[in-house]
Amino acid sequence: MTPLEAALMVIIVAILLFVIYYYWRGVKGDVSLRRPMESRVDEYLDRRFEMMIDEWSLVTRTKLQSFRQSKDQILEANEAKVASLKGFSETMEENLKNLEGRLSALEEQIGQK
């Protein structure tokens, strides 16, 4: 083995050791040897999950569900009000058309005299 080959072997071993160290440094949980990167990402997310929720102002499912339950009655009441207002609007438009027709008939009667 020549000195160049020995140097290349040392460099390759150093790179492998560095990669192994990089994947395993600071690891407290289980790291899968088959998927080291995915397990590192999963571990990172597990450790930082609460901080990320606070930082991004996210809502957990339980808080969302309790919010929905507390606001469902109000939402249903508002939907009923909107439906009744829509009916009222349609009735008023119909009455307005009738009144405009009666007004135009009265104007024609006055114009003929």
C-alpha atoms as a PDB file:
ATOM      1  CA  MET A   1       0.000   0.000   0.000  1.00  0.00           C
ATOM      2  CA  THR A   2       1.435   3.334  -1.037  1.00  0.00           C
ATOM      3  CA  PRO A   3       1.399   6.424   1.161  1.00  0.00           C
ATOM      4  CA  LEU A   4      -1.227   7.995  -1.131  1.00  0.00           C
ATOM      5  CA  GLU A   5      -3.563   5.020  -0.682  1.00  0.00           C
ATOM      6  CA  ALA A   6      -3.029   5.120   3.088  1.00  0.00           C
ATOM      7  CA  ALA A   7      -3.822   8.841   3.163  1.00  0.00           C
ATOM      8  CA  LEU A   8      -7.003   8.271   1.146  1.00  0.00           C
ATOM      9  CA  MET A   9      -8.074   5.504   3.540  1.00  0.00           C
ATOM     10  CA  VAL A  10      -7.478   7.802   6.519  1.00  0.00           C
ATOM     11  CA  ILE A  11      -9.510  10.572   4.849  1.00  0.00           C
ATOM     12  CA  ILE A  12     -12.385   8.192   4.044  1.00  0.00           C
ATOM     13  CA  VAL A  13     -12.429   6.849   7.613  1.00  0.00           C
ATOM     14  CA  ALA A  14     -12.367  10.416   8.967  1.00  0.00           C
ATOM     15  CA  ILE A  15     -15.297  11.392   6.753  1.00  0.00           C
ATOM     16  CA  LEU A  16     -17.265   8.331   7.871  1.00  0.00           C
ATOM     17  CA  LEU A  17     -16.554   9.095  11.521  1.00  0.00           C
ATOM     18  CA  PHE A  18     -17.617  12.701  10.993  1.00  0.00           C
ATOM     19  CA  VAL A  19     -20.901  11.629   9.354  1.00  0.00           C
ATOM     20  CA  ILE A  20     -21.631   9.173  12.161  1.00  0.00           C
ATOM     21  CA  TYR A  21     -20.793  11.823  14.760  1.00  0.00           C
ATOM     22  CA  TYR A  22     -23.005  14.378  12.978  1.00  0.00           C
ATOM     23  CA  TYR A  23     -26.008  12.058  12.990  1.00  0.00           C
ATOM     24  CA  TRP A  24     -25.560  10.940  16.574  1.00  0.00           C
ATOM     25  CA  ARG A  25     -24.348  14.082  18.346  1.00  0.00           C
ATOM     26  CA  GLY A  26     -26.749  15.403  20.907  1.00  0.00           C
ATOM     27  CA  VAL A  27     -29.119  12.479  20.394  1.00  0.00           C
ATOM     28  CA  LYS A  28     -31.006  11.578  23.539  1.00  0.00           C
ATOM     29  CA  GLY A  29     -33.615   9.250  22.068  1.00  0.00           C
ATOM     30  CA  ASP A  30     -33.588   6.297  19.763  1.00  0.00           C
ATOM     31  CA  VAL A  31     -31.977   6.820  16.390  1.00  0.00           C
ATOM     32  CA  SER A  32     -32.881   4.298  13.757  1.00  0.00           C
ATOM     33  CA  LEU A  33     -29.871   3.025  11.894  1.00  0.00           C
ATOM     34  CA  ARG A  34     -32.005   2.442   8.814  1.00  0.00           C
ATOM     35  CA  ARG A  35     -33.345   5.995   8.738  1.00  0.00           C
ATOM     36  CA  PRO A  36     -30.993   8.162  10.796  1.00  0.00           C
ATOM     37  CA  MET A  37     -32.043  11.466   9.250  1.00  0.00           C
ATOM     38  CA  GLU A  38     -35.788  10.921   9.653  1.00  0.00           C
ATOM     39  CA  SER A  39     -35.400   9.796  13.251  1.00  0.00           C
ATOM     40  CA  ARG A  40     -33.263  12.862  14.006  1.00  0.00           C
ATOM     41  CA  VAL A  41     -35.907  15.140  12.507  1.00  0.00           C
ATOM     42  CA  ASP A  42     -38.626  13.351  14.495  1.00  0.00           C
ATOM     43  CA  GLU A  43     -36.627  13.740  17.684  1.00  0.00           C
ATOM     44  CA  TYR A  44     -36.011  17.425  16.991  1.00  0.00           C
ATOM     45  CA  LEU A  45     -39.715  18.031  16.401  1.00  0.00           C
ATOM     46  CA  ASP A  46     -40.631  16.133  19.561  1.00  0.00           C
ATOM     47  CA  ARG A  47     -38.271  18.248  21.661  1.00  0.00           C
ATOM     48  CA  ARG A  48     -39.269  21.586  20.123  1.00  0.00           C
ATOM     49  CA  PHE A  49     -42.993  20.976  19.539  1.00  0.00           C
ATOM     50  CA  GLU A  50     -44.357  23.133  22.376  1.00  0.00           C
ATOM     51  CA  MET A  51     -41.991  25.980  21.519  1.00  0.00           C
ATOM     52  CA  MET A  52     -43.014  25.843  17.848  1.00  0.00           C
ATOM     53  CA  ILE A  53     -46.710  25.980  18.771  1.00  0.00           C
ATOM     54  CA  ASP A  54     -46.105  29.083  20.887  1.00  0.00           C
ATOM     55  CA  GLU A  55     -43.794  30.709  18.340  1.00  0.00           C
ATOM     56  CA  TRP A  56     -46.118  30.219  15.378  1.00  0.00           C
ATOM     57  CA  SER A  57     -49.274  30.920  17.431  1.00  0.00           C
ATOM     58  CA  LEU A  58     -50.771  27.561  16.519  1.00  0.00           C
ATOM     59  CA  VAL A  59     -53.804  26.036  18.204  1.00  0.00           C
ATOM     60  CA  THR A  60     -53.987  22.484  19.473  1.00  0.00           C
ATOM     61  CA  ARG A  61     -56.857  20.220  18.455  1.00  0.00           C
ATOM     62  CA  THR A  62     -58.352  20.208  21.956  1.00  0.00           C
ATOM     63  CA  LYS A  63     -58.465  24.002  22.104  1.00  0.00           C
ATOM     64  CA  LEU A  64     -59.948  24.121  18.615  1.00  0.00           C
ATOM     65  CA  GLN A  65     -62.614  21.572  19.514  1.00  0.00           C
ATOM     66  CA  SER A  66     -63.587  23.428  22.700  1.00  0.00           C
ATOM     67  CA  PHE A  67     -63.736  26.698  20.749  1.00  0.00           C
ATOM     68  CA  ARG A  68     -66.000  25.098  18.139  1.00  0.00           C
ATOM     69  CA  GLN A  69     -68.293  23.672  20.801  1.00  0.00           C
ATOM     70  CA  SER A  70     -68.597  27.017  22.560  1.00  0.00           C
ATOM     71  CA  LYS A  71     -69.289  28.931  19.349  1.00  0.00           C
ATOM     72  CA  ASP A  72     -71.570  26.441  17.556  1.00  0.00           C
ATOM     73  CA  GLN A  73     -74.760  27.728  19.211  1.00  0.00           C
ATOM     74  CA  ILE A  74     -73.884  31.328  18.409  1.00  0.00           C
ATOM     75  CA  LEU A  75     -73.078  30.399  14.826  1.00  0.00           C
ATOM     76  CA  GLU A  76     -76.356  28.520  14.395  1.00  0.00           C
ATOM     77  CA  ALA A  77     -78.281  31.483  15.831  1.00  0.00           C
ATOM     78  CA  ASN A  78     -76.511  33.850  13.443  1.00  0.00           C
ATOM     79  CA  GLU A  79     -77.236  31.568  10.490  1.00  0.00           C
ATOM     80  CA  ALA A  80     -80.925  31.574  11.450  1.00  0.00           C
ATOM     81  CA  LYS A  81     -80.860  35.384  11.629  1.00  0.00           C
ATOM     82  CA  VAL A  82     -79.237  35.583   8.204  1.00  0.00           C
ATOM     83  CA  ALA A  83     -81.907  33.289   6.753  1.00  0.00           C
ATOM     84  CA  SER A  84     -84.708  35.394   8.249  1.00  0.00           C
ATOM     85  CA  LEU A  85     -83.065  38.609   7.012  1.00  0.00           C
ATOM     86  CA  LYS A  86     -82.781  37.113   3.537  1.00  0.00           C
ATOM     87  CA  GLY A  87     -86.500  36.300   3.591  1.00  0.00           C
ATOM     88  CA  PHE A  88     -87.261  39.809   4.833  1.00  0.00           C
ATOM     89  CA  SER A  89     -85.142  41.294   2.050  1.00  0.00           C
ATOM     90  CA  GLU A  90     -86.985  39.281  -0.601  1.00  0.00           C
ATOM     91  CA  THR A  91     -90.358  40.329   0.847  1.00  0.00           C
ATOM     92  CA  MET A  92     -89.329  43.981   0.931  1.00  0.00           C
ATOM     93  CA  GLU A  93     -88.111  43.863  -2.676  1.00  0.00           C
ATOM     94  CA  GLU A  94     -91.461  42.403  -3.712  1.00  0.00           C
ATOM     95  CA  ASN A  95     -93.339  45.117  -1.775  1.00  0.00           C
ATOM     96  CA  LEU A  96     -91.130  47.795  -3.325  1.00  0.00           C
ATOM     97  CA  LYS A  97     -91.897  46.541  -6.827  1.00  0.00           C
ATOM     98  CA  ASN A  98     -95.634  46.572  -6.024  1.00  0.00           C
ATOM     99  CA  LEU A  99     -95.388  50.116  -4.661  1.00  0.00           C
ATOM    100  CA  GLU A 100     -93.444  51.287  -7.722  1.00  0.00           C
ATOM    101  CA  GLY A 101     -96.100  49.758  -9.975  1.00  0.00           C
ATOM    102  CA  ARG A 102     -98.866  51.490  -8.029  1.00  0.00           C
ATOM    103  CA  LEU A 103     -96.941  54.780  -8.129  1.00  0.00           C
ATOM    104  CA  SER A 104     -96.461  54.584 -11.883  1.00  0.00           C
ATOM    105  CA  ALA A 105    -100.197  53.798 -12.279  1.00  0.00           C
ATOM    106  CA  LEU A 106    -101.073  56.854 -10.167  1.00  0.00           C
ATOM    107  CA  GLU A 107     -98.690  59.040 -12.183  1.00  0.00           C
ATOM    108  CA  GLU A 108    -100.364  57.867 -15.400  1.00  0.00           C
ATOM    109  CA  GLN A 109    -103.810  58.686 -13.981  1.00  0.00           C
ATOM    110  CA  ILE A 110    -102.663  62.157 -12.953  1.00  0.00           C
ATOM    111  CA  GLY A 111    -100.996  62.721 -16.336  1.00  0.00           C
ATOM    112  CA  GLN A 112    -104.196  61.827 -18.204  1.00  0.00           C
ATOM    113  CA  LYS A 113    -106.343  64.382 -16.342  1.00  0.00           C
END
